[in-house]
Amino acid sequence: MQAEAALAKQRLFEEVISPHLDDAYSLARWLTGNATDAEDVVQDACLRAFKGLDGFAGGNSRAWLLTVVRNAAHTWISKNRPKTVIIADDLEDAERRMPDHEVRTATPESELIANVEAKRLEDAVSRLPLLFKEVIVMREINGASYREISEVLQAPIGTVMSRLARGRALLIRSLAETPA
């Protein structure tokens, strides 16, 4: 009887958790800042998720797992990283400094420039305060909907939208201040 229950729980884990492990790792990687710490966070999150599978009531399994990963990452960060101060500056100024987008053709030079720009963007995202980094990663990298992010954060959609706007503004400001 116990073997059947354990097998059923393992199948449920594979059905609910496994399809979203890439997104879980991606979120953990961005929140912790490196691959090794992200692996630790995802492992802890998977253990938490496995233990909590009995309490999973169905619904959006991706949002549920990302919530577990987010909580595990916050726990890990609070134990292993110093506290940081979040400063939100003038958003209108950041919007005024937004660079214009230009059309690029695929040449070796343009690919090199694109790679440098991608690295600058990755560095800028990694420097964001955790509060903004997590929503930027979930929305822009993992493609999560506002509703999914709202479920993960357990916050109203308006809060998600506000954090995204502020995170984007901070990114723009950081990119404008960082030499190319």
Protein backbone atom coordinates (compact mmCIF):
# COMPACT_ATOMS: atom_id res chain seq x y z
CA MET A 1 0.00 0.00 0.00
CA GLN A 2 2.78 2.44 0.89
CA ALA A 3 4.68 1.54 -2.26
CA GLU A 4 1.64 2.40 -4.39
CA ALA A 5 1.22 5.74 -2.63
CA ALA A 6 4.91 6.54 -3.11
CA LEU A 7 4.69 5.60 -6.79
CA ALA A 8 1.57 7.76 -7.25
CA LYS A 9 3.31 10.69 -5.58
CA GLN A 10 6.34 10.22 -7.83
CA ARG A 11 4.10 10.22 -10.92
CA LEU A 12 2.37 13.37 -9.68
CA PHE A 13 5.77 15.01 -9.15
CA GLU A 14 6.78 14.14 -12.70
CA GLU A 15 3.49 15.49 -14.02
CA VAL A 16 3.31 18.69 -11.95
CA ILE A 17 6.94 19.65 -11.27
CA SER A 18 9.20 18.18 -13.95
CA PRO A 19 7.82 20.10 -16.96
CA HIS A 20 8.68 23.39 -15.25
CA LEU A 21 12.19 22.67 -13.98
CA ASP A 22 13.84 24.82 -16.67
CA ASP A 23 11.75 27.83 -15.64
CA ALA A 24 12.46 27.06 -11.99
CA TYR A 25 16.20 26.97 -12.62
CA SER A 26 16.06 30.14 -14.71
CA LEU A 27 14.27 32.04 -11.95
CA ALA A 28 16.64 30.71 -9.29
CA ARG A 29 19.66 31.52 -11.46
CA TRP A 30 18.60 35.13 -11.87
CA LEU A 31 17.62 35.57 -8.23
CA THR A 32 20.80 34.07 -6.79
CA GLY A 33 23.18 35.34 -9.44
CA ASN A 34 25.02 32.11 -10.21
CA ALA A 35 24.50 28.55 -11.37
CA THR A 36 25.73 26.72 -8.28
CA ASP A 37 23.49 28.63 -5.89
CA ALA A 38 20.57 28.25 -8.30
CA GLU A 39 21.04 24.49 -8.32
CA ASP A 40 20.94 24.47 -4.51
CA VAL A 41 17.78 26.59 -4.51
CA VAL A 42 16.04 24.42 -7.11
CA GLN A 43 16.99 21.27 -5.23
CA ASP A 44 15.56 22.72 -2.02
CA ALA A 45 12.47 23.89 -3.89
CA CYS A 46 11.95 20.44 -5.41
CA LEU A 47 12.16 18.86 -1.97
CA ARG A 48 9.67 21.40 -0.64
CA ALA A 49 7.39 20.85 -3.62
CA PHE A 50 7.56 17.07 -3.26
CA LYS A 51 6.65 17.32 0.42
CA GLY A 52 3.83 19.73 -0.39
CA LEU A 53 2.37 17.80 -3.33
CA ASP A 54 -0.46 16.52 -1.15
CA GLY A 55 -1.52 20.14 -0.65
CA PHE A 56 -1.42 20.97 -4.38
CA ALA A 57 -5.04 21.56 -5.32
CA GLY A 58 -4.53 21.58 -9.07
CA GLY A 59 -4.58 24.68 -11.19
CA ASN A 60 -1.48 26.36 -12.56
CA SER A 61 1.39 24.03 -11.65
CA ARG A 62 3.99 26.38 -13.16
CA ALA A 63 2.91 29.27 -10.94
CA TRP A 64 2.79 26.94 -7.96
CA LEU A 65 6.34 25.67 -8.55
CA LEU A 66 7.70 29.17 -9.25
CA THR A 67 6.18 30.27 -5.94
CA VAL A 68 8.03 27.47 -4.18
CA VAL A 69 11.27 28.39 -6.00
CA ARG A 70 10.84 32.06 -5.18
CA ASN A 71 10.29 31.30 -1.50
CA ALA A 72 13.27 28.93 -1.44
CA ALA A 73 15.43 31.56 -3.14
CA HIS A 74 14.38 34.26 -0.68
CA THR A 75 15.16 31.92 2.21
CA TRP A 76 18.54 31.03 0.71
CA ILE A 77 19.39 34.68 0.01
CA SER A 78 18.41 35.80 3.51
CA LYS A 79 20.74 33.17 4.99
CA ASN A 80 23.64 33.64 2.59
CA ARG A 81 23.65 37.25 1.43
CA PRO A 82 23.88 40.58 3.22
CA LYS A 83 20.83 42.80 3.30
CA THR A 84 20.55 45.37 0.52
CA VAL A 85 18.73 48.66 0.29
CA ILE A 86 16.30 49.22 -2.57
CA ILE A 87 16.25 52.74 -4.00
CA ALA A 88 13.60 53.74 -6.52
CA ASP A 89 14.51 56.90 -8.38
CA ASP A 90 12.64 59.19 -10.76
CA LEU A 91 10.87 56.96 -13.31
CA GLU A 92 10.08 59.85 -15.65
CA ASP A 93 13.78 60.61 -15.98
CA ALA A 94 14.46 56.99 -16.88
CA GLU A 95 11.75 57.07 -19.53
CA ARG A 96 13.24 60.23 -21.09
CA ARG A 97 16.61 58.51 -21.33
CA MET A 98 15.26 55.40 -23.06
CA PRO A 99 17.37 54.71 -26.16
CA ASP A 100 15.68 54.59 -29.55
CA HIS A 101 15.47 51.19 -31.17
CA GLU A 102 17.20 50.80 -34.49
CA VAL A 103 16.86 48.13 -37.14
CA ARG A 104 19.96 45.99 -37.55
CA THR A 105 20.97 43.74 -40.41
CA ALA A 106 22.64 40.40 -39.79
CA THR A 107 26.35 41.06 -40.35
CA PRO A 108 29.27 39.79 -38.28
CA GLU A 109 29.65 43.27 -36.83
CA SER A 110 25.98 43.53 -35.92
CA GLU A 111 26.07 40.07 -34.33
CA LEU A 112 29.07 41.09 -32.25
CA ILE A 113 27.28 44.26 -31.18
CA ALA A 114 24.16 42.22 -30.33
CA ASN A 115 26.25 39.86 -28.19
CA VAL A 116 27.83 42.78 -26.33
CA GLU A 117 24.40 44.33 -25.82
CA ALA A 118 23.00 41.01 -24.55
CA LYS A 119 25.86 40.80 -22.04
CA ARG A 120 25.22 44.39 -20.92
CA LEU A 121 21.54 43.57 -20.46
CA GLU A 122 22.32 40.40 -18.52
CA ASP A 123 24.68 42.36 -16.26
CA ALA A 124 22.07 45.07 -15.76
CA VAL A 125 19.39 42.51 -14.85
CA SER A 126 21.75 40.81 -12.41
CA ARG A 127 22.30 44.15 -10.62
CA LEU A 128 18.58 44.84 -10.14
CA PRO A 129 17.21 44.67 -6.61
CA LEU A 130 15.61 41.28 -6.00
CA LEU A 131 12.12 42.78 -5.82
CA PHE A 132 12.34 43.93 -9.44
CA LYS A 133 14.65 41.22 -10.76
CA GLU A 134 12.19 38.43 -10.02
CA VAL A 135 9.31 40.03 -11.92
CA ILE A 136 11.54 40.97 -14.87
CA VAL A 137 12.86 37.40 -15.09
CA MET A 138 9.43 35.81 -14.77
CA ARG A 139 7.87 38.11 -17.38
CA GLU A 140 10.62 38.87 -19.88
CA ILE A 141 12.70 35.70 -19.71
CA ASN A 142 10.25 32.98 -18.64
CA GLY A 143 7.29 34.55 -20.44
CA ALA A 144 4.96 34.27 -17.43
CA SER A 145 1.67 36.12 -17.62
CA TYR A 146 0.78 38.91 -15.21
CA ARG A 147 -1.69 36.52 -13.61
CA GLU A 148 0.98 33.83 -13.10
CA ILE A 149 3.39 36.35 -11.61
CA SER A 150 0.60 37.63 -9.39
CA GLU A 151 0.00 34.09 -8.14
CA VAL A 152 3.71 33.52 -7.51
CA LEU A 153 4.16 36.79 -5.63
CA GLN A 154 0.76 36.55 -3.95
CA ALA A 155 0.29 40.18 -4.91
CA PRO A 156 -2.32 42.04 -6.95
CA ILE A 157 -1.75 42.31 -10.70
CA GLY A 158 -1.38 46.08 -10.28
CA THR A 159 1.59 45.48 -8.00
CA VAL A 160 3.12 43.17 -10.60
CA MET A 161 2.66 45.81 -13.28
CA SER A 162 4.15 48.49 -11.05
CA ARG A 163 7.19 46.37 -10.22
CA LEU A 164 7.67 45.54 -13.89
CA ALA A 165 7.52 49.22 -14.83
CA ARG A 166 9.97 50.20 -12.13
CA GLY A 167 12.27 47.26 -12.93
CA ARG A 168 12.26 48.17 -16.61
CA ALA A 169 12.99 51.81 -15.76
CA LEU A 170 15.90 50.77 -13.56
CA LEU A 171 17.21 48.59 -16.38
CA ILE A 172 16.98 51.45 -18.84
CA ARG A 173 18.75 53.77 -16.44
CA SER A 174 21.47 51.21 -15.75
CA LEU A 175 22.01 50.61 -19.45
CA ALA A 176 22.13 54.35 -20.16
CA GLU A 177 24.74 54.87 -17.44
CA THR A 178 26.90 51.87 -18.39
CA PRO A 179 29.28 52.52 -21.25
CA ALA A 180 28.80 50.28 -24.29
